[in-house]
C-alpha atoms as a PDB file:
ATOM      1  CA  MET A   1      -1.793  74.025 -44.082  1.00  0.00           C
ATOM      2  CA  ASN A   2      -2.741  70.636 -44.695  1.00  0.00           C
ATOM      3  CA  SER A   3      -5.995  69.380 -46.339  1.00  0.00           C
ATOM      4  CA  LEU A   4      -7.854  69.336 -43.154  1.00  0.00           C
ATOM      5  CA  ASP A   5      -6.454  72.142 -41.636  1.00  0.00           C
ATOM      6  CA  GLN A   6      -7.722  73.825 -44.999  1.00  0.00           C
ATOM      7  CA  LEU A   7     -11.321  72.396 -44.337  1.00  0.00           C
ATOM      8  CA  GLU A   8     -11.251  73.283 -41.002  1.00  0.00           C
ATOM      9  CA  THR A   9     -10.824  76.766 -41.628  1.00  0.00           C
ATOM     10  CA  ARG A  10     -13.741  76.607 -44.157  1.00  0.00           C
ATOM     11  CA  LEU A  11     -16.169  74.663 -41.676  1.00  0.00           C
ATOM     12  CA  GLY A  12     -15.588  76.974 -39.600  1.00  0.00           C
ATOM     13  CA  ILE A  13     -14.562  74.515 -36.817  1.00  0.00           C
ATOM     14  CA  ASP A  14     -11.445  73.034 -35.210  1.00  0.00           C
ATOM     15  CA  PHE A  15     -12.153  69.582 -34.762  1.00  0.00           C
ATOM     16  CA  SER A  16     -11.137  68.381 -31.019  1.00  0.00           C
ATOM     17  CA  ASP A  17     -10.727  65.160 -32.622  1.00  0.00           C
ATOM     18  CA  LYS A  18      -8.823  64.891 -36.199  1.00  0.00           C
ATOM     19  CA  SER A  19      -9.104  61.608 -36.762  1.00  0.00           C
ATOM     20  CA  LEU A  20     -13.452  62.131 -36.986  1.00  0.00           C
ATOM     21  CA  LEU A  21     -13.203  64.156 -39.414  1.00  0.00           C
ATOM     22  CA  GLN A  22     -10.794  61.969 -41.791  1.00  0.00           C
ATOM     23  CA  ARG A  23     -12.978  59.149 -41.399  1.00  0.00           C
ATOM     24  CA  ALA A  24     -15.844  61.156 -42.404  1.00  0.00           C
ATOM     25  CA  LEU A  25     -13.726  62.129 -45.798  1.00  0.00           C
ATOM     26  CA  THR A  26     -12.580  58.118 -46.136  1.00  0.00           C
ATOM     27  CA  HIS A  27     -14.566  56.590 -49.008  1.00  0.00           C
ATOM     28  CA  ARG A  28     -14.344  52.612 -48.579  1.00  0.00           C
ATOM     29  CA  SER A  29     -12.231  52.587 -52.313  1.00  0.00           C
ATOM     30  CA  TYR A  30      -9.543  54.124 -50.650  1.00  0.00           C
ATOM     31  CA  LEU A  31      -9.150  51.351 -47.614  1.00  0.00           C
ATOM     32  CA  ASN A  32      -9.680  48.659 -50.523  1.00  0.00           C
ATOM     33  CA  GLU A  33      -6.006  50.530 -52.368  1.00  0.00           C
ATOM     34  CA  HIS A  34      -4.258  50.533 -48.746  1.00  0.00           C
ATOM     35  CA  PRO A  35      -5.664  47.685 -46.473  1.00  0.00           C
ATOM     36  CA  ASP A  36      -3.365  48.726 -43.747  1.00  0.00           C
ATOM     37  CA  PHE A  37      -4.705  52.595 -43.348  1.00  0.00           C
ATOM     38  CA  GLY A  38      -5.562  53.134 -39.564  1.00  0.00           C
ATOM     39  CA  PHE A  39      -8.825  54.609 -39.969  1.00  0.00           C
ATOM     40  CA  SER A  40     -12.218  53.059 -41.061  1.00  0.00           C
ATOM     41  CA  ASP A  41     -14.411  54.464 -44.109  1.00  0.00           C
ATOM     42  CA  ASN A  42     -16.588  56.993 -43.577  1.00  0.00           C
ATOM     43  CA  GLU A  43     -20.441  54.911 -44.014  1.00  0.00           C
ATOM     44  CA  ARG A  44     -21.032  54.378 -39.974  1.00  0.00           C
ATOM     45  CA  LEU A  45     -20.695  58.523 -39.635  1.00  0.00           C
ATOM     46  CA  GLU A  46     -22.720  58.806 -42.928  1.00  0.00           C
ATOM     47  CA  PHE A  47     -25.660  56.786 -41.211  1.00  0.00           C
ATOM     48  CA  LEU A  48     -25.360  58.644 -38.063  1.00  0.00           C
ATOM     49  CA  GLY A  49     -25.453  62.402 -40.177  1.00  0.00           C
ATOM     50  CA  ASP A  50     -28.411  61.241 -41.774  1.00  0.00           C
ATOM     51  CA  ALA A  51     -30.141  61.058 -38.462  1.00  0.00           C
ATOM     52  CA  VAL A  52     -28.698  64.161 -37.362  1.00  0.00           C
ATOM     53  CA  LEU A  53     -29.769  66.085 -40.691  1.00  0.00           C
ATOM     54  CA  ASP A  54     -33.190  64.985 -40.541  1.00  0.00           C
ATOM     55  CA  PHE A  55     -33.713  65.984 -36.922  1.00  0.00           C
ATOM     56  CA  VAL A  56     -31.886  69.976 -37.430  1.00  0.00           C
ATOM     57  CA  THR A  57     -33.955  70.320 -40.895  1.00  0.00           C
ATOM     58  CA  GLY A  58     -37.141  69.326 -39.264  1.00  0.00           C
ATOM     59  CA  ALA A  59     -37.017  71.471 -36.539  1.00  0.00           C
ATOM     60  CA  HIS A  60     -35.827  74.615 -37.758  1.00  0.00           C
ATOM     61  CA  LEU A  61     -38.579  74.359 -40.456  1.00  0.00           C
ATOM     62  CA  TYR A  62     -40.636  73.774 -37.070  1.00  0.00           C
ATOM     63  CA  HIS A  63     -39.763  77.147 -36.047  1.00  0.00           C
ATOM     64  CA  ARG A  64     -39.634  79.097 -38.908  1.00  0.00           C
ATOM     65  CA  PHE A  65     -42.966  77.994 -40.387  1.00  0.00           C
ATOM     66  CA  PRO A  66     -45.159  77.718 -37.181  1.00  0.00           C
ATOM     67  CA  GLU A  67     -48.298  78.363 -39.867  1.00  0.00           C
ATOM     68  CA  LEU A  68     -47.784  74.883 -41.841  1.00  0.00           C
ATOM     69  CA  ASP A  69     -48.885  71.576 -41.217  1.00  0.00           C
ATOM     70  CA  GLU A  70     -46.907  68.213 -40.802  1.00  0.00           C
ATOM     71  CA  GLY A  71     -47.319  67.070 -44.213  1.00  0.00           C
ATOM     72  CA  VAL A  72     -45.943  70.337 -45.685  1.00  0.00           C
ATOM     73  CA  LEU A  73     -43.262  70.266 -43.262  1.00  0.00           C
ATOM     74  CA  THR A  74     -42.176  66.972 -43.892  1.00  0.00           C
ATOM     75  CA  SER A  75     -42.322  67.691 -47.684  1.00  0.00           C
ATOM     76  CA  LEU A  76     -40.009  70.729 -47.420  1.00  0.00           C
ATOM     77  CA  ARG A  77     -37.709  68.620 -44.998  1.00  0.00           C
ATOM     78  CA  SER A  78     -37.510  66.045 -47.954  1.00  0.00           C
ATOM     79  CA  ALA A  79     -36.508  68.526 -50.083  1.00  0.00           C
ATOM     80  CA  LEU A  80     -33.698  70.013 -48.287  1.00  0.00           C
ATOM     81  CA  VAL A  81     -32.118  66.573 -47.186  1.00  0.00           C
ATOM     82  CA  ARG A  82     -32.719  64.552 -50.821  1.00  0.00           C
ATOM     83  CA  ARG A  83     -29.179  63.225 -52.328  1.00  0.00           C
ATOM     84  CA  ASP A  84     -29.114  65.995 -55.326  1.00  0.00           C
ATOM     85  CA  THR A  85     -29.145  68.793 -52.508  1.00  0.00           C
ATOM     86  CA  LEU A  86     -26.855  67.449 -50.092  1.00  0.00           C
ATOM     87  CA  ALA A  87     -24.439  66.816 -52.724  1.00  0.00           C
ATOM     88  CA  ARG A  88     -24.580  70.845 -53.780  1.00  0.00           C
ATOM     89  CA  PHE A  89     -23.992  71.311 -50.377  1.00  0.00           C
ATOM     90  CA  ALA A  90     -20.755  69.395 -50.299  1.00  0.00           C
ATOM     91  CA  GLN A  91     -19.597  70.932 -53.506  1.00  0.00           C
ATOM     92  CA  GLU A  92     -19.888  74.292 -51.754  1.00  0.00           C
ATOM     93  CA  LEU A  93     -17.404  73.261 -48.870  1.00  0.00           C
ATOM     94  CA  ASP A  94     -15.268  71.713 -51.610  1.00  0.00           C
ATOM     95  CA  LEU A  95     -15.644  68.370 -49.621  1.00  0.00           C
ATOM     96  CA  GLY A  96     -14.715  66.056 -52.478  1.00  0.00           C
ATOM     97  CA  ALA A  97     -11.439  67.682 -52.923  1.00  0.00           C
ATOM     98  CA  HIS A  98     -10.297  66.681 -49.442  1.00  0.00           C
ATOM     99  CA  MET A  99     -11.989  62.992 -49.396  1.00  0.00           C
ATOM    100  CA  LEU A 100      -9.292  60.088 -49.428  1.00  0.00           C
ATOM    101  CA  MET A 101     -10.598  57.794 -52.525  1.00  0.00           C
ATOM    102  CA  GLY A 102      -9.082  54.769 -54.500  1.00  0.00           C
ATOM    103  CA  HIS A 103      -7.483  55.710 -57.803  1.00  0.00           C
ATOM    104  CA  GLY A 104     -10.155  53.811 -59.574  1.00  0.00           C
ATOM    105  CA  GLU A 105     -13.520  55.589 -58.149  1.00  0.00           C
ATOM    106  CA  ALA A 106     -11.245  59.208 -58.458  1.00  0.00           C
ATOM    107  CA  ASP A 107     -10.343  58.284 -62.127  1.00  0.00           C
ATOM    108  CA  SER A 108     -14.088  57.724 -63.062  1.00  0.00           C
ATOM    109  CA  GLY A 109     -15.261  60.927 -61.415  1.00  0.00           C
ATOM    110  CA  GLY A 110     -16.210  59.665 -58.137  1.00  0.00           C
ATOM    111  CA  ARG A 111     -15.362  62.959 -56.651  1.00  0.00           C
ATOM    112  CA  ARG A 112     -18.167  64.948 -58.610  1.00  0.00           C
ATOM    113  CA  ARG A 113     -20.568  61.854 -58.296  1.00  0.00           C
ATOM    114  CA  ALA A 114     -24.235  62.876 -56.142  1.00  0.00           C
ATOM    115  CA  ALA A 115     -24.211  60.370 -54.264  1.00  0.00           C
ATOM    116  CA  THR A 116     -20.809  60.024 -53.294  1.00  0.00           C
ATOM    117  CA  LEU A 117     -21.047  63.653 -52.353  1.00  0.00           C
ATOM    118  CA  CYS A 118     -24.137  63.299 -50.242  1.00  0.00           C
ATOM    119  CA  ALA A 119     -22.610  60.677 -48.484  1.00  0.00           C
ATOM    120  CA  VAL A 120     -19.325  62.688 -47.385  1.00  0.00           C
ATOM    121  CA  PHE A 121     -21.421  65.836 -47.189  1.00  0.00           C
ATOM    122  CA  GLU A 122     -23.900  63.441 -44.376  1.00  0.00           C
ATOM    123  CA  ALA A 123     -20.779  61.666 -42.725  1.00  0.00           C
ATOM    124  CA  VAL A 124     -18.966  65.476 -42.058  1.00  0.00           C
ATOM    125  CA  VAL A 125     -22.290  66.327 -39.986  1.00  0.00           C
ATOM    126  CA  GLY A 126     -22.043  63.042 -37.765  1.00  0.00           C
ATOM    127  CA  ALA A 127     -18.407  64.028 -37.124  1.00  0.00           C
ATOM    128  CA  VAL A 128     -19.255  67.509 -36.317  1.00  0.00           C
ATOM    129  CA  TYR A 129     -22.013  66.497 -33.950  1.00  0.00           C
ATOM    130  CA  LEU A 130     -19.801  64.050 -31.739  1.00  0.00           C
ATOM    131  CA  ASP A 131     -16.852  65.980 -31.828  1.00  0.00           C
ATOM    132  CA  GLN A 132     -18.786  69.736 -31.133  1.00  0.00           C
ATOM    133  CA  GLY A 133     -22.406  68.584 -30.346  1.00  0.00           C
ATOM    134  CA  LEU A 134     -25.602  70.114 -31.726  1.00  0.00           C
ATOM    135  CA  GLU A 135     -25.268  73.777 -31.955  1.00  0.00           C
ATOM    136  CA  ALA A 136     -21.901  73.187 -34.084  1.00  0.00           C
ATOM    137  CA  VAL A 137     -24.217  71.076 -36.642  1.00  0.00           C
ATOM    138  CA  VAL A 138     -27.002  73.710 -36.306  1.00  0.00           C
ATOM    139  CA  ASN A 139     -24.353  76.316 -37.040  1.00  0.00           C
ATOM    140  CA  LEU A 140     -22.908  74.772 -40.117  1.00  0.00           C
ATOM    141  CA  VAL A 141     -26.267  73.496 -41.862  1.00  0.00           C
ATOM    142  CA  GLN A 142     -28.627  76.590 -41.546  1.00  0.00           C
ATOM    143  CA  PRO A 143     -26.324  78.866 -43.669  1.00  0.00           C
ATOM    144  CA  LEU A 144     -26.596  76.572 -46.139  1.00  0.00           C
ATOM    145  CA  ILE A 145     -30.123  75.573 -46.238  1.00  0.00           C
ATOM    146  CA  ASP A 146     -32.058  78.656 -45.789  1.00  0.00           C
ATOM    147  CA  PRO A 147     -31.270  80.037 -49.136  1.00  0.00           C
ATOM    148  CA  GLU A 148     -32.261  76.566 -50.583  1.00  0.00           C
ATOM    149  CA  ILE A 149     -35.792  76.832 -48.561  1.00  0.00           C
ATOM    150  CA  ALA A 150     -36.504  79.846 -50.549  1.00  0.00           C
ATOM    151  CA  GLN A 151     -35.601  78.290 -53.938  1.00  0.00           C
ATOM    152  CA  VAL A 152     -37.965  74.808 -52.804  1.00  0.00           C
ATOM    153  CA  LEU A 153     -40.642  77.620 -52.525  1.00  0.00           C
ATOM    154  CA  ARG A 154     -40.387  79.521 -55.328  1.00  0.00           C
ATOM    155  CA  GLU A 155     -40.168  76.043 -57.623  1.00  0.00           C
ATOM    156  CA  ARG A 156     -42.314  73.822 -55.857  1.00  0.00           C
ATOM    157  CA  SER A 157     -39.093  71.573 -55.922  1.00  0.00           C
ATOM    158  CA  ASP A 158     -40.345  69.949 -52.274  1.00  0.00           C
ATOM    159  CA  ARG A 159     -42.981  68.059 -54.628  1.00  0.00           C
ATOM    160  CA  ASP A 160     -41.144  64.930 -56.184  1.00  0.00           C
ATOM    161  CA  ALA A 161     -41.452  64.463 -60.048  1.00  0.00           C
ATOM    162  CA  LYS A 162     -43.436  61.244 -59.315  1.00  0.00           C
ATOM    163  CA  SER A 163     -46.429  62.690 -57.657  1.00  0.00           C
ATOM    164  CA  LEU A 164     -46.457  65.675 -59.852  1.00  0.00           C
ATOM    165  CA  LEU A 165     -46.682  63.333 -62.589  1.00  0.00           C
ATOM    166  CA  GLN A 166     -49.184  61.344 -61.373  1.00  0.00           C
ATOM    167  CA  GLU A 167     -51.503  64.475 -60.590  1.00  0.00           C
ATOM    168  CA  TYR A 168     -51.051  64.877 -64.302  1.00  0.00           C
ATOM    169  CA  ALA A 169     -52.093  61.970 -65.985  1.00  0.00           C
ATOM    170  CA  GLN A 170     -54.818  61.245 -63.668  1.00  0.00           C
ATOM    171  CA  ALA A 171     -56.273  64.727 -64.237  1.00  0.00           C
ATOM    172  CA  HIS A 172     -55.409  64.982 -68.333  1.00  0.00           C
ATOM    173  CA  LEU A 173     -55.742  61.186 -69.026  1.00  0.00           C
ATOM    174  CA  ARG A 174     -57.393  59.598 -66.349  1.00  0.00           C
ATOM    175  CA  CYS A 175     -53.925  57.233 -66.248  1.00  0.00           C
ATOM    176  CA  THR A 176     -51.389  56.124 -63.974  1.00  0.00           C
ATOM    177  CA  PRO A 177     -48.136  56.242 -64.317  1.00  0.00           C
ATOM    178  CA  ARG A 178     -46.452  52.932 -64.235  1.00  0.00           C
ATOM    179  CA  TYR A 179     -42.534  52.147 -63.454  1.00  0.00           C
ATOM    180  CA  THR A 180     -40.385  49.559 -64.977  1.00  0.00           C
ATOM    181  CA  THR A 181     -36.674  48.553 -63.988  1.00  0.00           C
ATOM    182  CA  VAL A 182     -35.485  47.542 -67.014  1.00  0.00           C
ATOM    183  CA  SER A 183     -31.756  46.957 -66.443  1.00  0.00           C
ATOM    184  CA  GLU A 184     -29.720  46.522 -63.602  1.00  0.00           C
ATOM    185  CA  ILE A 185     -25.814  46.904 -63.780  1.00  0.00           C
ATOM    186  CA  GLY A 186     -22.740  47.062 -62.282  1.00  0.00           C
ATOM    187  CA  PRO A 187     -21.084  45.871 -58.962  1.00  0.00           C
ATOM    188  CA  ASP A 188     -23.048  45.522 -55.473  1.00  0.00           C
ATOM    189  CA  HIS A 189     -21.263  48.881 -54.402  1.00  0.00           C
ATOM    190  CA  ALA A 190     -22.226  50.609 -57.198  1.00  0.00           C
ATOM    191  CA  LYS A 191     -25.026  49.811 -58.959  1.00  0.00           C
ATOM    192  CA  GLU A 192     -26.579  51.556 -62.014  1.00  0.00           C
ATOM    193  CA  PHE A 193     -30.504  51.287 -62.790  1.00  0.00           C
ATOM    194  CA  THR A 194     -32.678  52.333 -65.693  1.00  0.00           C
ATOM    195  CA  VAL A 195     -36.264  52.788 -64.788  1.00  0.00           C
ATOM    196  CA  GLU A 196     -38.828  53.600 -67.513  1.00  0.00           C
ATOM    197  CA  VAL A 197     -42.837  55.148 -67.260  1.00  0.00           C
ATOM    198  CA  ARG A 198     -45.588  54.498 -69.010  1.00  0.00           C
ATOM    199  CA  ILE A 199     -48.679  56.639 -69.379  1.00  0.00           C
ATOM    200  CA  CYS A 200     -51.593  54.833 -70.987  1.00  0.00           C
ATOM    201  CA  GLY A 201     -49.305  51.897 -71.948  1.00  0.00           C
ATOM    202  CA  GLN A 202     -46.850  54.241 -73.920  1.00  0.00           C
ATOM    203  CA  MET A 203     -43.394  54.754 -72.684  1.00  0.00           C
ATOM    204  CA  CYS A 204     -42.313  58.518 -72.213  1.00  0.00           C
ATOM    205  CA  GLY A 205     -39.441  58.478 -69.677  1.00  0.00           C
ATOM    206  CA  ARG A 206     -36.182  56.845 -68.852  1.00  0.00           C
ATOM    207  CA  GLY A 207     -34.312  57.814 -65.989  1.00  0.00           C
ATOM    208  CA  THR A 208     -31.005  56.182 -64.616  1.00  0.00           C
ATOM    209  CA  GLY A 209     -29.817  56.313 -61.085  1.00  0.00           C
ATOM    210  CA  CYS A 210     -28.208  54.425 -58.153  1.00  0.00           C
ATOM    211  CA  ASN A 211     -31.195  53.201 -56.885  1.00  0.00           C
ATOM    212  CA  LYS A 212     -34.489  52.427 -58.330  1.00  0.00           C
ATOM    213  CA  GLN A 213     -36.131  55.311 -56.652  1.00  0.00           C
ATOM    214  CA  ALA A 214     -33.631  58.011 -57.994  1.00  0.00           C
ATOM    215  CA  ALA A 215     -33.806  56.338 -61.864  1.00  0.00           C
ATOM    216  CA  ALA A 216     -37.512  56.386 -61.090  1.00  0.00           C
ATOM    217  CA  GLN A 217     -37.594  60.126 -60.782  1.00  0.00           C
ATOM    218  CA  VAL A 218     -35.362  61.205 -63.401  1.00  0.00           C
ATOM    219  CA  ALA A 219     -37.538  58.833 -65.565  1.00  0.00           C
ATOM    220  CA  ALA A 220     -40.912  61.223 -63.833  1.00  0.00           C
ATOM    221  CA  ALA A 221     -39.295  64.472 -64.662  1.00  0.00           C
ATOM    222  CA  GLN A 222     -38.542  63.613 -68.018  1.00  0.00           C
ATOM    223  CA  ALA A 223     -41.951  62.380 -68.710  1.00  0.00           C
ATOM    224  CA  LEU A 224     -43.741  65.696 -66.837  1.00  0.00           C
ATOM    225  CA  GLU A 225     -41.558  67.637 -68.903  1.00  0.00           C
ATOM    226  CA  LEU A 226     -42.766  66.000 -72.403  1.00  0.00           C
ATOM    227  CA  CYS A 227     -46.188  65.853 -71.220  1.00  0.00           C
ATOM    228  CA  GLU A 228     -46.283  69.548 -70.181  1.00  0.00           C
ATOM    229  CA  SER A 229     -44.975  70.681 -73.553  1.00  0.00           C
ATOM    230  CA  GLY A 230     -46.899  68.596 -75.703  1.00  0.00           C
ATOM    231  CA  GLU A 231     -44.264  67.209 -77.311  1.00  0.00           C
ATOM    232  CA  PHE A 232     -44.735  63.818 -76.408  1.00  0.00           C
ATOM    233  CA  PRO A 233     -47.765  61.985 -78.623  1.00  0.00           C
ATOM    234  CA  LEU A 234     -49.920  60.434 -75.795  1.00  0.00           C
ATOM    235  CA  PRO A 235     -52.323  58.717 -77.013  1.00  0.00           C
ATOM    236  CA  GLU A 236     -56.535  58.924 -76.256  1.00  0.00           C
ATOM    237  CA  PRO A 237     -56.866  58.523 -72.311  1.00  0.00           C
ATOM    238  CA  THR A 238     -58.254  54.908 -71.319  1.00  0.00           C
ATOM    239  CA  SER A 239     -59.241  53.275 -68.496  1.00  0.00           C
ATOM    240  CA  ASP A 240     -55.498  51.711 -66.931  1.00  0.00           C
END
């Protein structure tokens, strides 16, 4: 049984057009090393899958929680389709092992990188939608997101770290957290950003990520943990 057959078995889907699944699994780095390869990379399917996931997840939440308003539903959906969540779904399906990837990317940990796993999951969703339709996407995605919904509700992880830090800082210190990008390294297709967050002028968190938003979330989570634990000696509240 070849790699595509194994993945189809794991997905529970028999693709009519196998080339869609192959494209979904093709990282751009593979094409850089194999310019004569007969398929394009997965970035267009990733774009489509992102939109389909937003719709499928939103519709599922709408019907499952008829009592919740649109603000809470939006927050829940954001938690379910964020990068790290989708990367975990990709790991559950073992998508990284089936990807076509350049040697350099693979050797640097590309098959385990959250951004890459998130992208391949979205691309596979896009491929399933084109080949099998919306119902097949629902059948694939719903068993993955239902346990995640319960976890999000238990942990309030639908509330992002930046929002929680802002609430904490304003309530306890009458300050607003300030974020600064302190470094930006790497080539355009694989940049790494470092962001610091300061409260009342004092640095209390630093994070890195593949974009500024992700780095700021990591910095905020670090700062929130320090603030709530009392381990970081915050200054007296001042006007900010």
